[in-house]
N, C-alpha and C. Protein backbone atom coordinates (compact mmCIF):
# COMPACT_ATOMS: atom_id res chain seq x y z
N MET A 1 0.83 -1.21 0.00
CA MET A 1 0.00 0.00 0.00
C MET A 1 0.87 1.27 0.00
N ILE A 2 1.90 1.28 0.85
CA ILE A 2 2.80 2.45 0.91
C ILE A 2 3.49 2.65 -0.43
N PHE A 3 3.87 1.52 -1.06
CA PHE A 3 4.54 1.60 -2.37
C PHE A 3 3.62 2.23 -3.40
N ARG A 4 2.35 1.79 -3.45
CA ARG A 4 1.42 2.31 -4.45
C ARG A 4 1.12 3.79 -4.22
N ILE A 5 0.97 4.19 -2.97
CA ILE A 5 0.70 5.60 -2.67
C ILE A 5 1.89 6.46 -3.09
N ALA A 6 3.09 6.01 -2.73
CA ALA A 6 4.31 6.75 -3.09
C ALA A 6 4.46 6.81 -4.61
N GLN A 7 4.19 5.68 -5.26
CA GLN A 7 4.32 5.62 -6.71
C GLN A 7 3.36 6.61 -7.38
N PHE A 8 2.13 6.69 -6.88
CA PHE A 8 1.14 7.58 -7.46
C PHE A 8 1.52 9.05 -7.27
N LEU A 9 1.92 9.40 -6.04
CA LEU A 9 2.26 10.79 -5.75
C LEU A 9 3.50 11.26 -6.52
N VAL A 10 4.51 10.41 -6.54
CA VAL A 10 5.74 10.76 -7.25
C VAL A 10 5.49 10.81 -8.75
N ALA A 11 4.60 9.92 -9.23
CA ALA A 11 4.31 9.86 -10.66
C ALA A 11 3.74 11.17 -11.18
N ILE A 12 2.91 11.80 -10.40
CA ILE A 12 2.30 13.06 -10.83
C ILE A 12 3.37 14.11 -11.11
N TYR A 13 4.30 14.24 -10.19
CA TYR A 13 5.38 15.22 -10.35
C TYR A 13 6.29 14.86 -11.52
N LEU A 14 6.71 13.60 -11.57
CA LEU A 14 7.67 13.19 -12.60
C LEU A 14 7.08 13.23 -14.00
N LYS A 15 5.83 12.86 -14.15
CA LYS A 15 5.23 12.85 -15.48
C LYS A 15 5.10 14.27 -16.04
N ILE A 16 5.05 15.25 -15.15
CA ILE A 16 4.98 16.64 -15.59
C ILE A 16 6.36 17.20 -15.88
N PHE A 17 7.28 17.00 -14.95
CA PHE A 17 8.59 17.65 -15.05
C PHE A 17 9.71 16.74 -15.58
N TYR A 18 9.50 15.43 -15.54
CA TYR A 18 10.48 14.50 -16.08
C TYR A 18 9.76 13.46 -16.94
N PRO A 19 9.11 13.91 -18.03
CA PRO A 19 8.35 12.98 -18.87
C PRO A 19 9.24 11.85 -19.39
N THR A 20 8.71 10.64 -19.37
CA THR A 20 9.50 9.47 -19.74
C THR A 20 8.71 8.57 -20.68
N LYS A 21 9.39 8.10 -21.70
CA LYS A 21 8.80 7.15 -22.64
C LYS A 21 9.50 5.81 -22.51
N ILE A 22 8.72 4.76 -22.30
CA ILE A 22 9.27 3.41 -22.22
C ILE A 22 9.03 2.71 -23.56
N VAL A 23 10.08 2.36 -24.25
CA VAL A 23 9.99 1.68 -25.54
C VAL A 23 10.23 0.18 -25.32
N GLY A 24 9.37 -0.65 -25.87
CA GLY A 24 9.55 -2.09 -25.74
C GLY A 24 9.05 -2.67 -24.44
N LYS A 25 8.07 -2.02 -23.84
CA LYS A 25 7.56 -2.50 -22.55
C LYS A 25 7.03 -3.93 -22.64
N LYS A 26 6.60 -4.33 -23.85
CA LYS A 26 6.08 -5.68 -24.05
C LYS A 26 7.16 -6.75 -23.81
N ASN A 27 8.42 -6.33 -23.82
CA ASN A 27 9.52 -7.30 -23.59
C ASN A 27 9.68 -7.68 -22.13
N LEU A 28 8.99 -6.98 -21.24
CA LEU A 28 9.06 -7.34 -19.82
C LEU A 28 8.28 -8.63 -19.59
N PRO A 29 8.95 -9.69 -19.20
CA PRO A 29 8.26 -10.98 -19.02
C PRO A 29 7.43 -11.00 -17.75
N LYS A 30 6.50 -11.93 -17.70
CA LYS A 30 5.74 -12.12 -16.48
C LYS A 30 6.60 -12.93 -15.51
N GLY A 31 6.42 -12.65 -14.23
CA GLY A 31 7.16 -13.41 -13.23
C GLY A 31 8.58 -12.93 -13.01
N ALA A 32 9.39 -13.79 -12.45
CA ALA A 32 10.75 -13.42 -12.04
C ALA A 32 11.64 -13.08 -13.22
N ALA A 33 12.45 -12.06 -13.04
CA ALA A 33 13.42 -11.65 -14.06
C ALA A 33 14.37 -10.65 -13.43
N ILE A 34 15.54 -10.51 -14.05
CA ILE A 34 16.49 -9.49 -13.62
C ILE A 34 16.53 -8.41 -14.69
N LEU A 35 16.28 -7.19 -14.30
CA LEU A 35 16.33 -6.06 -15.22
C LEU A 35 17.71 -5.43 -15.10
N SER A 36 18.45 -5.42 -16.19
CA SER A 36 19.84 -4.97 -16.18
C SER A 36 19.96 -3.70 -17.03
N CYS A 37 20.25 -2.58 -16.36
CA CYS A 37 20.18 -1.28 -17.03
C CYS A 37 21.43 -0.43 -16.79
N ASN A 38 21.78 0.38 -17.79
CA ASN A 38 22.87 1.34 -17.58
C ASN A 38 22.44 2.38 -16.57
N HIS A 39 23.40 3.03 -15.93
CA HIS A 39 23.11 3.93 -14.81
C HIS A 39 23.57 5.34 -15.15
N THR A 40 22.61 6.25 -15.34
CA THR A 40 22.95 7.62 -15.76
C THR A 40 22.79 8.66 -14.66
N SER A 41 21.87 8.40 -13.69
CA SER A 41 21.62 9.40 -12.65
C SER A 41 20.87 8.75 -11.48
N ASN A 42 20.69 9.52 -10.41
CA ASN A 42 19.93 9.03 -9.26
C ASN A 42 18.44 8.90 -9.56
N PHE A 43 18.00 9.45 -10.69
CA PHE A 43 16.59 9.39 -11.07
C PHE A 43 16.24 8.10 -11.80
N ASP A 44 17.22 7.35 -12.25
CA ASP A 44 16.97 6.21 -13.13
C ASP A 44 15.93 5.24 -12.57
N ALA A 45 16.20 4.71 -11.39
CA ALA A 45 15.31 3.71 -10.81
C ALA A 45 13.92 4.27 -10.54
N ILE A 46 13.86 5.54 -10.13
CA ILE A 46 12.58 6.17 -9.83
C ILE A 46 11.73 6.29 -11.09
N LEU A 47 12.35 6.71 -12.19
CA LEU A 47 11.61 6.85 -13.44
C LEU A 47 11.09 5.51 -13.93
N ILE A 48 11.88 4.48 -13.78
CA ILE A 48 11.45 3.15 -14.21
C ILE A 48 10.34 2.62 -13.31
N ALA A 49 10.47 2.85 -12.01
CA ALA A 49 9.44 2.39 -11.06
C ALA A 49 8.10 3.06 -11.34
N VAL A 50 8.14 4.34 -11.65
CA VAL A 50 6.91 5.11 -11.88
C VAL A 50 6.26 4.75 -13.21
N ASN A 51 7.08 4.46 -14.21
CA ASN A 51 6.55 4.26 -15.55
C ASN A 51 6.33 2.79 -15.93
N THR A 52 6.64 1.88 -15.04
CA THR A 52 6.27 0.47 -15.20
C THR A 52 5.60 0.06 -13.89
N TRP A 53 4.32 -0.13 -13.91
CA TRP A 53 3.52 -0.18 -12.70
C TRP A 53 3.87 -1.33 -11.76
N GLU A 54 4.28 -2.47 -12.28
CA GLU A 54 4.58 -3.63 -11.43
C GLU A 54 5.71 -3.31 -10.45
N LYS A 55 5.54 -3.70 -9.21
CA LYS A 55 6.57 -3.45 -8.20
C LYS A 55 7.81 -4.26 -8.49
N LYS A 56 8.96 -3.61 -8.35
CA LYS A 56 10.24 -4.26 -8.54
C LYS A 56 11.11 -4.04 -7.30
N TYR A 57 12.20 -4.80 -7.23
CA TYR A 57 13.11 -4.67 -6.10
C TYR A 57 14.47 -4.20 -6.61
N TYR A 58 15.06 -3.27 -5.87
CA TYR A 58 16.25 -2.59 -6.35
C TYR A 58 17.42 -2.76 -5.37
N LEU A 59 18.57 -3.19 -5.89
CA LEU A 59 19.76 -3.20 -5.07
C LEU A 59 20.18 -1.76 -4.83
N THR A 60 20.32 -1.36 -3.57
CA THR A 60 20.58 0.03 -3.22
C THR A 60 21.72 0.11 -2.21
N LYS A 61 22.66 1.00 -2.45
CA LYS A 61 23.82 1.11 -1.55
C LYS A 61 23.37 1.45 -0.13
N LYS A 62 24.08 0.92 0.84
CA LYS A 62 23.68 1.01 2.25
C LYS A 62 23.62 2.44 2.76
N GLU A 63 24.36 3.34 2.12
CA GLU A 63 24.38 4.75 2.58
C GLU A 63 22.99 5.38 2.57
N TRP A 64 22.11 4.90 1.69
CA TRP A 64 20.76 5.45 1.62
C TRP A 64 19.92 5.06 2.83
N PHE A 65 20.40 4.10 3.61
CA PHE A 65 19.63 3.60 4.75
C PHE A 65 20.13 4.14 6.08
N GLU A 66 21.09 5.05 6.04
CA GLU A 66 21.68 5.56 7.28
C GLU A 66 20.67 6.33 8.12
N ASN A 67 19.77 7.06 7.47
CA ASN A 67 18.68 7.73 8.17
C ASN A 67 17.56 6.71 8.38
N LYS A 68 17.12 6.52 9.61
CA LYS A 68 16.14 5.48 9.92
C LYS A 68 14.82 5.66 9.18
N LEU A 69 14.34 6.90 9.09
CA LEU A 69 13.07 7.16 8.42
C LEU A 69 13.18 6.88 6.93
N ILE A 70 14.25 7.40 6.33
CA ILE A 70 14.46 7.17 4.90
C ILE A 70 14.69 5.69 4.63
N GLY A 71 15.46 5.04 5.52
CA GLY A 71 15.72 3.62 5.37
C GLY A 71 14.45 2.79 5.42
N TRP A 72 13.55 3.14 6.35
CA TRP A 72 12.26 2.45 6.46
C TRP A 72 11.45 2.60 5.18
N PHE A 73 11.44 3.82 4.66
CA PHE A 73 10.69 4.10 3.43
C PHE A 73 11.29 3.34 2.25
N MET A 74 12.62 3.31 2.17
CA MET A 74 13.30 2.62 1.07
C MET A 74 12.94 1.14 1.06
N LYS A 75 12.87 0.53 2.23
CA LYS A 75 12.51 -0.88 2.31
C LYS A 75 11.08 -1.09 1.83
N LYS A 76 10.19 -0.17 2.20
CA LYS A 76 8.79 -0.30 1.83
C LYS A 76 8.58 -0.23 0.32
N ILE A 77 9.41 0.53 -0.37
CA ILE A 77 9.22 0.68 -1.82
C ILE A 77 10.04 -0.35 -2.62
N GLY A 78 10.71 -1.26 -1.91
CA GLY A 78 11.37 -2.35 -2.61
C GLY A 78 12.87 -2.27 -2.73
N CYS A 79 13.52 -1.44 -1.94
CA CYS A 79 14.98 -1.33 -2.01
C CYS A 79 15.64 -2.37 -1.10
N ILE A 80 16.66 -3.01 -1.61
CA ILE A 80 17.42 -4.01 -0.86
C ILE A 80 18.80 -3.44 -0.55
N LYS A 81 19.11 -3.30 0.71
CA LYS A 81 20.38 -2.69 1.12
C LYS A 81 21.55 -3.60 0.82
N ILE A 82 22.62 -3.00 0.26
CA ILE A 82 23.82 -3.77 -0.01
C ILE A 82 25.06 -2.94 0.32
N ASP A 83 26.02 -3.61 0.93
CA ASP A 83 27.32 -3.00 1.21
C ASP A 83 28.22 -3.28 0.01
N ARG A 84 28.53 -2.25 -0.76
CA ARG A 84 29.30 -2.45 -1.99
C ARG A 84 30.78 -2.69 -1.74
N ASN A 85 31.20 -2.50 -0.49
CA ASN A 85 32.62 -2.65 -0.17
C ASN A 85 32.97 -4.02 0.41
N SER A 86 31.99 -4.91 0.43
CA SER A 86 32.25 -6.25 0.96
C SER A 86 31.29 -7.25 0.32
N THR A 87 31.52 -8.53 0.59
CA THR A 87 30.60 -9.56 0.11
C THR A 87 29.41 -9.62 1.06
N ASP A 88 28.32 -9.01 0.65
CA ASP A 88 27.15 -8.87 1.51
C ASP A 88 26.24 -10.09 1.34
N ILE A 89 26.43 -11.10 2.18
CA ILE A 89 25.68 -12.35 2.08
C ILE A 89 24.18 -12.12 2.31
N THR A 90 23.85 -11.23 3.23
CA THR A 90 22.45 -10.94 3.52
C THR A 90 21.75 -10.38 2.29
N ALA A 91 22.41 -9.46 1.60
CA ALA A 91 21.84 -8.87 0.39
C ALA A 91 21.65 -9.93 -0.69
N VAL A 92 22.63 -10.82 -0.83
CA VAL A 92 22.54 -11.90 -1.82
C VAL A 92 21.34 -12.79 -1.53
N LYS A 93 21.16 -13.16 -0.28
CA LYS A 93 20.03 -14.02 0.10
C LYS A 93 18.70 -13.31 -0.15
N ASN A 94 18.63 -12.02 0.16
CA ASN A 94 17.40 -11.26 -0.06
C ASN A 94 17.05 -11.17 -1.54
N CYS A 95 18.06 -10.99 -2.37
CA CYS A 95 17.84 -10.91 -3.82
C CYS A 95 17.34 -12.24 -4.38
N LEU A 96 17.96 -13.33 -3.94
CA LEU A 96 17.54 -14.65 -4.41
C LEU A 96 16.12 -14.97 -3.93
N LYS A 97 15.80 -14.53 -2.74
CA LYS A 97 14.44 -14.74 -2.20
C LYS A 97 13.40 -14.02 -3.07
N VAL A 98 13.72 -12.79 -3.46
CA VAL A 98 12.82 -12.02 -4.31
C VAL A 98 12.57 -12.76 -5.63
N LEU A 99 13.64 -13.26 -6.23
CA LEU A 99 13.52 -13.95 -7.51
C LEU A 99 12.76 -15.27 -7.37
N LYS A 100 13.01 -16.00 -6.30
CA LYS A 100 12.33 -17.28 -6.09
C LYS A 100 10.84 -17.08 -5.82
N GLU A 101 10.48 -15.90 -5.37
CA GLU A 101 9.07 -15.58 -5.13
C GLU A 101 8.38 -15.09 -6.40
N GLY A 102 9.12 -15.11 -7.52
CA GLY A 102 8.52 -14.74 -8.80
C GLY A 102 8.48 -13.25 -9.05
N LYS A 103 9.33 -12.50 -8.36
CA LYS A 103 9.33 -11.04 -8.52
C LYS A 103 10.53 -10.59 -9.35
N LYS A 104 10.57 -9.32 -9.68
CA LYS A 104 11.63 -8.78 -10.52
C LYS A 104 12.67 -8.01 -9.70
N LEU A 105 13.94 -8.25 -10.06
CA LEU A 105 15.05 -7.60 -9.40
C LEU A 105 15.73 -6.66 -10.40
N PHE A 106 15.91 -5.42 -9.99
CA PHE A 106 16.51 -4.41 -10.86
C PHE A 106 17.95 -4.15 -10.41
N ILE A 107 18.89 -4.24 -11.36
CA ILE A 107 20.30 -4.06 -11.03
C ILE A 107 20.98 -3.14 -12.05
N PHE A 108 21.81 -2.23 -11.55
CA PHE A 108 22.70 -1.46 -12.41
C PHE A 108 24.04 -2.21 -12.42
N PRO A 109 24.33 -2.99 -13.46
CA PRO A 109 25.52 -3.85 -13.44
C PRO A 109 26.84 -3.10 -13.44
N GLU A 110 26.81 -1.80 -13.80
CA GLU A 110 28.04 -1.01 -13.74
C GLU A 110 28.42 -0.70 -12.30
N GLY A 111 27.45 -0.81 -11.40
CA GLY A 111 27.72 -0.62 -9.98
C GLY A 111 27.66 0.81 -9.50
N THR A 112 27.80 1.76 -10.39
CA THR A 112 27.76 3.17 -10.02
C THR A 112 27.34 3.98 -11.24
N ARG A 113 27.06 5.26 -11.05
CA ARG A 113 26.61 6.09 -12.16
C ARG A 113 27.70 6.23 -13.23
N ASN A 114 27.27 6.16 -14.47
CA ASN A 114 28.17 6.31 -15.61
C ASN A 114 28.34 7.80 -15.91
N LYS A 115 29.56 8.29 -15.82
CA LYS A 115 29.81 9.71 -16.00
C LYS A 115 30.39 10.06 -17.37
N SER A 116 30.50 9.06 -18.26
CA SER A 116 31.04 9.33 -19.59
C SER A 116 30.04 10.15 -20.40
N GLU A 117 30.53 10.98 -21.31
CA GLU A 117 29.67 11.87 -22.08
C GLU A 117 28.74 11.10 -23.01
N ASP A 118 29.23 10.02 -23.61
CA ASP A 118 28.41 9.26 -24.56
C ASP A 118 27.67 8.09 -23.92
N LEU A 119 27.76 7.98 -22.59
CA LEU A 119 27.10 6.91 -21.84
C LEU A 119 27.52 5.51 -22.30
N SER A 120 28.72 5.40 -22.86
CA SER A 120 29.21 4.08 -23.26
C SER A 120 29.27 3.19 -22.02
N LEU A 121 28.86 1.95 -22.17
CA LEU A 121 28.73 1.04 -21.04
C LEU A 121 30.07 0.81 -20.34
N GLY A 122 30.07 0.97 -19.03
CA GLY A 122 31.27 0.72 -18.25
C GLY A 122 31.43 -0.77 -17.98
N GLN A 123 32.34 -1.10 -17.08
CA GLN A 123 32.57 -2.51 -16.76
C GLN A 123 31.34 -3.13 -16.11
N VAL A 124 30.91 -4.24 -16.65
CA VAL A 124 29.75 -4.95 -16.12
C VAL A 124 30.22 -5.90 -15.02
N LYS A 125 29.74 -5.68 -13.83
CA LYS A 125 30.13 -6.53 -12.70
C LYS A 125 29.34 -7.84 -12.74
N GLN A 126 29.65 -8.74 -11.82
CA GLN A 126 29.15 -10.11 -11.93
C GLN A 126 27.82 -10.37 -11.23
N GLY A 127 27.23 -9.35 -10.61
CA GLY A 127 26.00 -9.55 -9.86
C GLY A 127 24.86 -10.09 -10.71
N VAL A 128 24.64 -9.50 -11.88
CA VAL A 128 23.54 -9.93 -12.74
C VAL A 128 23.68 -11.40 -13.11
N SER A 129 24.86 -11.77 -13.59
CA SER A 129 25.05 -13.16 -14.02
C SER A 129 24.94 -14.13 -12.84
N MET A 130 25.44 -13.76 -11.69
CA MET A 130 25.38 -14.64 -10.52
C MET A 130 23.93 -14.93 -10.13
N PHE A 131 23.12 -13.88 -10.03
CA PHE A 131 21.72 -14.07 -9.63
C PHE A 131 20.94 -14.81 -10.71
N ALA A 132 21.22 -14.50 -11.99
CA ALA A 132 20.50 -15.14 -13.08
C ALA A 132 20.79 -16.64 -13.13
N ILE A 133 22.03 -17.01 -12.86
CA ILE A 133 22.42 -18.43 -12.89
C ILE A 133 21.87 -19.17 -11.68
N LYS A 134 22.02 -18.57 -10.51
CA LYS A 134 21.56 -19.24 -9.28
C LYS A 134 20.03 -19.39 -9.25
N ALA A 135 19.31 -18.35 -9.70
CA ALA A 135 17.85 -18.39 -9.64
C ALA A 135 17.23 -18.94 -10.93
N LYS A 136 18.06 -19.10 -11.98
CA LYS A 136 17.59 -19.61 -13.28
C LYS A 136 16.44 -18.77 -13.82
N VAL A 137 16.70 -17.47 -13.91
CA VAL A 137 15.68 -16.53 -14.40
C VAL A 137 16.24 -15.74 -15.59
N PRO A 138 15.37 -15.21 -16.45
CA PRO A 138 15.84 -14.44 -17.60
C PRO A 138 16.39 -13.08 -17.19
N VAL A 139 17.24 -12.55 -18.06
CA VAL A 139 17.79 -11.20 -17.89
C VAL A 139 17.19 -10.31 -18.97
N VAL A 140 16.76 -9.12 -18.57
CA VAL A 140 16.19 -8.17 -19.52
C VAL A 140 17.11 -6.96 -19.63
N PRO A 141 17.78 -6.76 -20.78
CA PRO A 141 18.64 -5.59 -20.93
C PRO A 141 17.81 -4.33 -21.12
N MET A 142 18.25 -3.23 -20.55
CA MET A 142 17.55 -1.95 -20.69
C MET A 142 18.58 -0.85 -20.96
N TYR A 143 18.12 0.19 -21.65
CA TYR A 143 19.05 1.27 -21.99
C TYR A 143 18.37 2.63 -21.85
N ILE A 144 18.99 3.50 -21.07
CA ILE A 144 18.52 4.88 -20.91
C ILE A 144 19.35 5.74 -21.86
N SER A 145 18.67 6.41 -22.80
CA SER A 145 19.37 7.10 -23.89
C SER A 145 20.08 8.38 -23.47
N SER A 146 19.59 9.02 -22.42
CA SER A 146 20.20 10.27 -21.98
C SER A 146 19.93 10.49 -20.50
N ARG A 147 20.74 11.31 -19.87
CA ARG A 147 20.53 11.58 -18.45
C ARG A 147 19.22 12.35 -18.27
N PRO A 148 18.39 11.95 -17.29
CA PRO A 148 17.16 12.68 -17.04
C PRO A 148 17.42 14.16 -16.75
N ARG A 149 16.67 15.03 -17.41
CA ARG A 149 16.81 16.47 -17.22
C ARG A 149 15.45 17.10 -17.02
N PHE A 150 15.42 18.15 -16.25
CA PHE A 150 14.18 18.85 -15.93
C PHE A 150 13.48 19.32 -17.21
N CYS A 151 12.21 18.92 -17.36
CA CYS A 151 11.37 19.31 -18.50
C CYS A 151 11.90 18.80 -19.85
N HIS A 152 12.69 17.73 -19.82
CA HIS A 152 13.13 17.06 -21.04
C HIS A 152 12.70 15.60 -20.98
N ARG A 153 12.28 15.06 -22.11
CA ARG A 153 11.82 13.68 -22.12
C ARG A 153 12.98 12.70 -22.06
N THR A 154 12.81 11.68 -21.24
CA THR A 154 13.79 10.60 -21.14
C THR A 154 13.21 9.36 -21.83
N VAL A 155 14.03 8.72 -22.64
CA VAL A 155 13.59 7.51 -23.33
C VAL A 155 14.34 6.30 -22.76
N ILE A 156 13.58 5.32 -22.33
CA ILE A 156 14.15 4.09 -21.78
C ILE A 156 13.69 2.92 -22.65
N THR A 157 14.64 2.18 -23.19
CA THR A 157 14.31 1.07 -24.09
C THR A 157 14.50 -0.26 -23.38
N VAL A 158 13.50 -1.11 -23.51
CA VAL A 158 13.54 -2.45 -22.92
C VAL A 158 13.84 -3.45 -24.03
N GLY A 159 14.95 -4.18 -23.90
CA GLY A 159 15.33 -5.16 -24.91
C GLY A 159 14.69 -6.51 -24.68
N GLU A 160 14.95 -7.44 -25.58
CA GLU A 160 14.38 -8.78 -25.46
C GLU A 160 15.10 -9.57 -24.35
N PRO A 161 14.35 -10.29 -23.55
CA PRO A 161 14.96 -11.08 -22.47
C PRO A 161 15.79 -12.23 -23.02
N PHE A 162 16.79 -12.63 -22.28
CA PHE A 162 17.62 -13.77 -22.65
C PHE A 162 17.98 -14.54 -21.38
N GLU A 163 18.40 -15.78 -21.57
CA GLU A 163 18.76 -16.60 -20.41
C GLU A 163 20.22 -17.05 -20.49
N LEU A 164 20.79 -17.26 -19.35
CA LEU A 164 22.16 -17.78 -19.27
C LEU A 164 22.11 -19.27 -18.98
N SER A 165 21.24 -19.96 -19.71
CA SER A 165 20.94 -21.37 -19.44
C SER A 165 22.14 -22.28 -19.64
N ASP A 166 23.10 -21.87 -20.45
CA ASP A 166 24.30 -22.70 -20.65
C ASP A 166 25.09 -22.87 -19.36
N PHE A 167 24.84 -21.96 -18.42
CA PHE A 167 25.60 -22.00 -17.16
C PHE A 167 24.79 -22.58 -16.00
N TYR A 168 23.51 -22.92 -16.25
CA TYR A 168 22.68 -23.48 -15.18
C TYR A 168 23.29 -24.79 -14.68
N GLY A 169 23.32 -24.94 -13.40
CA GLY A 169 23.83 -26.17 -12.81
C GLY A 169 25.33 -26.16 -12.57
N GLN A 170 26.01 -25.14 -13.13
CA GLN A 170 27.45 -25.04 -12.92
C GLN A 170 27.74 -24.26 -11.64
N LYS A 171 28.88 -24.54 -11.05
CA LYS A 171 29.28 -23.79 -9.88
C LYS A 171 29.63 -22.37 -10.31
N ALA A 172 29.07 -21.39 -9.63
CA ALA A 172 29.26 -19.98 -10.01
C ALA A 172 30.61 -19.48 -9.54
N ASN A 173 31.68 -20.04 -10.13
CA ASN A 173 33.02 -19.58 -9.77
C ASN A 173 33.42 -18.37 -10.63
N GLU A 174 34.62 -17.90 -10.43
CA GLU A 174 35.09 -16.69 -11.12
C GLU A 174 35.07 -16.86 -12.63
N GLU A 175 35.51 -17.99 -13.12
CA GLU A 175 35.57 -18.22 -14.57
C GLU A 175 34.17 -18.23 -15.19
N VAL A 176 33.25 -18.92 -14.55
CA VAL A 176 31.87 -19.00 -15.06
C VAL A 176 31.22 -17.63 -15.05
N LEU A 177 31.36 -16.92 -13.95
CA LEU A 177 30.74 -15.61 -13.83
C LEU A 177 31.33 -14.61 -14.82
N GLU A 178 32.62 -14.74 -15.08
CA GLU A 178 33.26 -13.84 -16.05
C GLU A 178 32.71 -14.07 -17.46
N LYS A 179 32.57 -15.33 -17.85
CA LYS A 179 32.03 -15.65 -19.17
C LYS A 179 30.57 -15.20 -19.29
N ALA A 180 29.80 -15.47 -18.24
CA ALA A 180 28.39 -15.09 -18.26
C ALA A 180 28.23 -13.57 -18.29
N SER A 181 29.08 -12.87 -17.56
CA SER A 181 29.02 -11.40 -17.53
C SER A 181 29.37 -10.79 -18.87
N GLU A 182 30.22 -11.46 -19.63
CA GLU A 182 30.56 -10.99 -20.97
C GLU A 182 29.33 -11.05 -21.88
N ILE A 183 28.52 -12.07 -21.69
CA ILE A 183 27.28 -12.19 -22.47
C ILE A 183 26.32 -11.07 -22.10
N VAL A 184 26.20 -10.81 -20.80
CA VAL A 184 25.33 -9.71 -20.33
C VAL A 184 25.79 -8.38 -20.94
N ALA A 185 27.09 -8.14 -20.90
CA ALA A 185 27.65 -6.90 -21.45
C ALA A 185 27.39 -6.80 -22.95
N ASP A 186 27.57 -7.90 -23.67
CA ASP A 186 27.34 -7.90 -25.12
C ASP A 186 25.88 -7.60 -25.46
N LYS A 187 24.96 -8.17 -24.69
CA LYS A 187 23.53 -7.93 -24.92
C LYS A 187 23.18 -6.47 -24.67
N MET A 188 23.76 -5.89 -23.62
CA MET A 188 23.48 -4.50 -23.29
C MET A 188 24.09 -3.56 -24.33
N LYS A 189 25.30 -3.87 -24.78
CA LYS A 189 25.94 -3.05 -25.79
C LYS A 189 25.21 -3.13 -27.13
N THR A 190 24.72 -4.31 -27.46
CA THR A 190 23.96 -4.48 -28.70
C THR A 190 22.68 -3.65 -28.67
N LEU A 191 21.99 -3.66 -27.52
CA LEU A 191 20.78 -2.86 -27.38
C LEU A 191 21.10 -1.38 -27.53
N GLN A 192 22.19 -0.93 -26.89
CA GLN A 192 22.61 0.47 -26.99
C GLN A 192 22.89 0.84 -28.44
N GLU A 193 23.59 0.00 -29.16
CA GLU A 193 23.91 0.26 -30.56
C GLU A 193 22.65 0.33 -31.42
N GLN A 194 21.69 -0.53 -31.14
CA GLN A 194 20.43 -0.54 -31.89
C GLN A 194 19.66 0.76 -31.67
N VAL A 195 19.64 1.22 -30.41
CA VAL A 195 18.92 2.46 -30.09
C VAL A 195 19.60 3.66 -30.76
N ILE A 196 20.92 3.72 -30.69
CA ILE A 196 21.67 4.83 -31.28
C ILE A 196 21.46 4.86 -32.80
N LEU A 197 21.51 3.68 -33.43
CA LEU A 197 21.30 3.59 -34.88
C LEU A 197 19.89 4.03 -35.26
N ALA A 198 18.90 3.57 -34.49
CA ALA A 198 17.51 3.94 -34.77
C ALA A 198 17.29 5.44 -34.62
N ASP A 199 17.90 6.03 -33.60
CA ASP A 199 17.79 7.48 -33.38
C ASP A 199 18.43 8.25 -34.53
N ALA A 200 19.57 7.76 -35.00
CA ALA A 200 20.27 8.42 -36.10
C ALA A 200 19.42 8.37 -37.37
N GLU A 201 18.76 7.23 -37.61
CA GLU A 201 17.91 7.08 -38.79
C GLU A 201 16.71 8.02 -38.72
N LYS A 202 16.15 8.18 -37.53
CA LYS A 202 15.01 9.09 -37.35
C LYS A 202 15.42 10.53 -37.63
N LYS A 203 16.58 10.93 -37.11
CA LYS A 203 17.07 12.29 -37.33
C LYS A 203 17.36 12.53 -38.81
N LYS A 204 17.91 11.53 -39.47
CA LYS A 204 18.21 11.63 -40.89
C LYS A 204 16.93 11.80 -41.70
N ALA A 205 15.92 11.01 -41.37
CA ALA A 205 14.64 11.08 -42.07
C ALA A 205 13.95 12.42 -41.83
N LYS A 206 14.09 12.93 -40.62
CA LYS A 206 13.48 14.22 -40.28
C LYS A 206 14.11 15.36 -41.06
N LYS A 207 15.45 15.34 -41.16
CA LYS A 207 16.15 16.36 -41.91
C LYS A 207 15.78 16.31 -43.39
N LYS A 208 15.63 15.09 -43.92
CA LYS A 208 15.27 14.92 -45.32
C LYS A 208 13.87 15.46 -45.58
N LYS A 209 12.99 15.27 -44.63
CA LYS A 209 11.62 15.75 -44.78
C LYS A 209 11.58 17.26 -44.76
N VAL A 210 12.43 17.90 -43.94
CA VAL A 210 12.48 19.36 -43.85
C VAL A 210 13.02 19.95 -45.16
N LYS A 211 14.04 19.30 -45.71
CA LYS A 211 14.65 19.79 -46.94
C LYS A 211 13.76 19.59 -48.16
N ASN A 212 12.94 18.53 -48.09
CA ASN A 212 12.07 18.22 -49.24
C ASN A 212 10.59 18.16 -48.81
N PRO A 213 10.04 19.30 -48.39
CA PRO A 213 8.65 19.30 -47.95
C PRO A 213 7.70 18.98 -49.12
N VAL A 214 6.62 18.35 -48.81
CA VAL A 214 5.64 18.00 -49.85
C VAL A 214 4.94 19.26 -50.38
C-alpha cells in the first residue's frame, strides 16, 4: 500500500517535469526476471518504477539507509540494502528470495553512475550473471538514452529477455561468472547500438523531410 501511494504521488510530479517514454515494454516478461540497465543518474530507478507499474526490487547502496526514516521508506518501496565494499551475504540471500518468489530484481551492473559523455557502457560486474544463474531466471537488458533532465523527455528502451541457461547447474566460480558477464555486457551493448542507430535514422529522415517538404 505504501509503495502504491508513493508511486502515485511521485508519478504526478515526474510525469509533468520528467516525462519518460518506455519503448519495448512488451519485452518485460511475467514473473521473475532481472532487469539490467545502464546507470545515468539518481533518477533512473525512480523513473522506471513510476513508468512500469509492477513493483520491482532494487539493489541500493547502504548509505541510503543511514537515516532510519528514509531507510524504512526505502525498504517499503522495494529497495534491498547492499554494502558495496564487501561480500554482503544478507543482500545476496534477499535478492535470491525475491527472484524465487517470482518477482523482478533491478540491477545497475556497472555498480555506479556512468559519467562518460556518450554513456558508453562501463565494466559490467558479476551480480547480474550470478543471480541469473543461481535463480535460473531471464535477464532483460535496458538502456537509458540520456541523463534525465528537468522538462526534457527521457527515453528508456527495454530489450528482449535472454537466459544464461548454458551456465545453469554449474558452480558460479570466477571463470563461469566472467564468461556469463561478458554475455550480459554484449547484450546491453547491442541494445545500446540498436537504439543509437535507430535514433540516427530518425534524425536523418526528419532532416530529409524538412529539406524536401511536400
